[in-house]
Amino acid sequence: MAAGITYTPIATTTLGSAASSVTFSSISGSYTDLVLVVNAKGTGFTGSGTYPYVRYNSDSNTNYSRTWLAGNGSTASSSRGSSENLQYLVGGTYIDGTFSYNSITQFMNYSNTTTYKTMLSRANNAGVQVDALVGLWRDTSAITSIVIYSSSGNFDTGSTFSLYGITAA
């Protein structure tokens, strides 16, 4: 097998001002998987922070499910959700006012039109905890757009969102 580029950059957004969402649209179906890398901080949120979540192809129906695991060094926790109208990127690691939130999310077989879509997300906020989340979108449509939302407040200036494509070997 020939060596080559594993991650092909598709798009990167660095916020020049606070925003409640970031959109990647017209995503080509020419890759096997997608990878989303987020380095963000929040502003104007309520409670302890804001949680990021995604929607695919503007689907706000109850087609999303998740299983979440987390730990903070002394306590482990987990939860499940089904028939939700959005897909959390994480379950308990929130975005606060520092650049301490980082996540890597893989969207597997995103362009396959015969299977439901699965995603795996890993995130951390050094002051809070680390998370792993597996999500399911119960739809066979190819993912052509991903919108990352803030549950409250905004993603702050300087937050970065990078989308990569992975091509099968």
Protein backbone atom coordinates (compact mmCIF):
# COMPACT_ATOMS: atom_id res chain seq x y z
CA MET A 1 0.00 0.00 0.00
CA ALA A 2 1.38 3.39 -0.97
CA ALA A 3 1.88 6.02 1.70
CA GLY A 4 -0.27 9.08 1.36
CA ILE A 5 -2.19 11.78 3.10
CA THR A 6 -4.58 10.40 5.69
CA TYR A 7 -6.53 13.55 6.59
CA THR A 8 -7.54 15.78 3.70
CA PRO A 9 -8.49 19.28 4.89
CA ILE A 10 -12.01 20.18 3.73
CA ALA A 11 -12.64 23.44 5.60
CA THR A 12 -11.62 25.36 8.72
CA THR A 13 -13.58 28.13 10.40
CA THR A 14 -11.92 30.43 12.92
CA LEU A 15 -14.48 32.76 14.45
CA GLY A 16 -13.78 36.46 14.05
CA SER A 17 -16.71 37.22 16.34
CA ALA A 18 -18.90 35.21 18.71
CA ALA A 19 -21.40 32.86 17.04
CA SER A 20 -24.04 30.39 18.21
CA SER A 21 -23.35 27.97 15.36
CA VAL A 22 -20.86 26.95 12.69
CA THR A 23 -21.92 25.29 9.43
CA PHE A 24 -20.09 22.98 7.06
CA SER A 25 -22.24 22.56 3.94
CA SER A 26 -21.97 20.98 0.48
CA ILE A 27 -19.79 18.21 1.94
CA SER A 28 -18.47 16.00 -0.83
CA GLY A 29 -19.29 12.29 -0.64
CA SER A 30 -15.82 11.33 -1.89
CA TYR A 31 -14.37 10.28 1.47
CA THR A 32 -14.92 7.24 3.67
CA ASP A 33 -15.14 9.12 6.98
CA LEU A 34 -15.14 12.69 8.25
CA VAL A 35 -13.22 14.06 11.23
CA LEU A 36 -14.20 17.26 13.04
CA VAL A 37 -11.66 18.91 15.34
CA VAL A 38 -12.92 21.65 17.67
CA ASN A 39 -10.92 23.98 19.93
CA ALA A 40 -13.38 26.39 21.49
CA LYS A 41 -14.31 28.64 24.33
CA GLY A 42 -17.70 30.06 25.19
CA THR A 43 -19.19 33.42 26.01
CA GLY A 44 -22.59 34.60 27.27
CA PHE A 45 -23.64 31.15 28.44
CA THR A 46 -25.91 30.28 31.33
CA GLY A 47 -25.08 27.79 34.07
CA SER A 48 -21.64 26.23 34.07
CA GLY A 49 -21.08 26.53 30.35
CA THR A 50 -22.38 25.51 26.97
CA TYR A 51 -22.52 22.08 25.39
CA PRO A 52 -21.87 21.64 21.68
CA TYR A 53 -24.15 19.52 19.55
CA VAL A 54 -24.65 18.86 15.85
CA ARG A 55 -27.42 18.34 13.35
CA TYR A 56 -26.97 16.65 10.00
CA ASN A 57 -28.69 17.91 6.85
CA SER A 58 -30.88 20.23 8.98
CA ASP A 59 -32.68 17.20 10.48
CA SER A 60 -34.40 18.32 13.69
CA ASN A 61 -36.59 15.20 13.96
CA THR A 62 -36.09 12.73 16.82
CA ASN A 63 -33.65 10.54 14.85
CA TYR A 64 -30.63 10.81 17.16
CA SER A 65 -29.40 8.50 19.95
CA ARG A 66 -26.30 8.58 22.16
CA THR A 67 -24.34 6.75 24.84
CA TRP A 68 -21.95 8.86 26.90
CA LEU A 69 -19.10 7.95 29.29
CA ALA A 70 -17.06 10.40 31.37
CA GLY A 71 -14.56 10.65 34.18
CA ASN A 72 -12.87 13.40 36.16
CA GLY A 73 -10.14 11.48 37.97
CA SER A 74 -12.28 10.46 40.92
CA THR A 75 -15.78 9.80 39.57
CA ALA A 76 -17.07 8.02 36.49
CA SER A 77 -20.50 8.65 34.99
CA SER A 78 -22.57 7.66 32.00
CA SER A 79 -25.94 8.28 30.36
CA ARG A 80 -27.99 7.29 27.36
CA GLY A 81 -30.50 9.13 25.27
CA SER A 82 -32.71 8.10 22.38
CA SER A 83 -35.27 9.79 20.15
CA GLU A 84 -33.49 13.12 20.52
CA ASN A 85 -33.74 15.96 18.01
CA LEU A 86 -29.99 16.68 18.03
CA GLN A 87 -26.67 14.87 18.47
CA TYR A 88 -24.46 15.97 21.34
CA LEU A 89 -20.76 16.05 20.54
CA VAL A 90 -20.13 15.34 24.23
CA GLY A 91 -22.20 14.62 27.29
CA GLY A 92 -20.70 16.55 30.17
CA THR A 93 -17.59 18.41 29.05
CA TYR A 94 -18.79 21.92 28.60
CA ILE A 95 -17.23 24.91 26.94
CA ASP A 96 -16.28 27.64 29.37
CA GLY A 97 -14.58 31.02 28.98
CA THR A 98 -11.11 29.62 28.22
CA PHE A 99 -9.70 27.68 25.29
CA SER A 100 -9.86 24.53 27.35
CA TYR A 101 -12.45 22.59 25.34
CA ASN A 102 -11.08 20.26 22.68
CA SER A 103 -12.90 17.52 20.81
CA ILE A 104 -12.24 15.12 17.98
CA THR A 105 -15.28 13.55 16.33
CA GLN A 106 -15.27 10.89 13.66
CA PHE A 107 -18.32 10.45 11.41
CA MET A 108 -18.07 6.92 10.00
CA ASN A 109 -19.44 5.94 6.58
CA TYR A 110 -21.07 9.36 6.35
CA SER A 111 -21.70 9.11 2.60
CA ASN A 112 -23.11 5.57 2.56
CA THR A 113 -26.79 5.66 1.59
CA THR A 114 -27.77 2.20 2.86
CA THR A 115 -26.87 2.47 6.56
CA TYR A 116 -27.56 4.67 9.57
CA LYS A 117 -24.70 7.02 10.51
CA THR A 118 -22.49 6.48 13.55
CA MET A 119 -20.20 9.02 15.18
CA LEU A 120 -17.59 8.72 17.90
CA SER A 121 -16.52 11.81 19.84
CA ARG A 122 -13.79 12.30 22.42
CA ALA A 123 -13.54 15.55 24.32
CA ASN A 124 -11.90 17.18 27.30
CA ASN A 125 -11.93 20.31 29.36
CA ALA A 126 -8.90 20.22 31.65
CA GLY A 127 -10.83 21.79 34.51
CA VAL A 128 -13.85 19.50 34.24
CA GLN A 129 -13.49 15.98 32.82
CA VAL A 130 -12.90 13.82 29.76
CA ASP A 131 -15.73 12.30 27.70
CA ALA A 132 -16.39 9.67 25.08
CA LEU A 133 -19.68 9.63 23.23
CA VAL A 134 -21.03 7.33 20.56
CA GLY A 135 -23.96 8.65 18.56
CA LEU A 136 -26.36 7.26 15.99
CA TRP A 137 -28.34 9.15 13.37
CA ARG A 138 -31.19 6.94 12.24
CA ASP A 139 -31.25 8.06 8.62
CA THR A 140 -29.73 6.50 5.50
CA SER A 141 -29.12 9.82 3.72
CA ALA A 142 -25.52 10.80 3.05
CA ILE A 143 -24.38 13.59 5.38
CA THR A 144 -23.94 16.69 3.22
CA SER A 145 -24.06 19.34 5.94
CA ILE A 146 -23.09 19.50 9.60
CA VAL A 147 -24.10 22.40 11.83
CA ILE A 148 -22.38 22.69 15.22
CA TYR A 149 -24.60 24.50 17.73
CA SER A 150 -24.07 25.92 21.19
CA SER A 151 -26.65 24.84 23.79
CA SER A 152 -26.56 28.32 25.34
CA GLY A 153 -24.51 31.43 24.72
CA ASN A 154 -21.98 31.46 21.90
CA PHE A 155 -18.71 30.06 20.71
CA ASP A 156 -16.26 32.90 21.33
CA THR A 157 -13.92 34.77 18.99
CA GLY A 158 -10.91 32.65 18.02
CA SER A 159 -12.68 29.29 18.38
CA THR A 160 -11.66 26.94 15.56
CA PHE A 161 -13.63 24.20 13.79
CA SER A 162 -11.79 22.05 11.24
CA LEU A 163 -13.34 19.36 9.04
CA TYR A 164 -11.22 16.67 7.39
CA GLY A 165 -12.00 13.84 5.01
CA ILE A 166 -10.46 10.37 5.27
CA THR A 167 -10.15 8.30 2.13
CA ALA A 168 -10.11 4.51 2.28
CA ALA A 169 -6.75 2.92 1.48
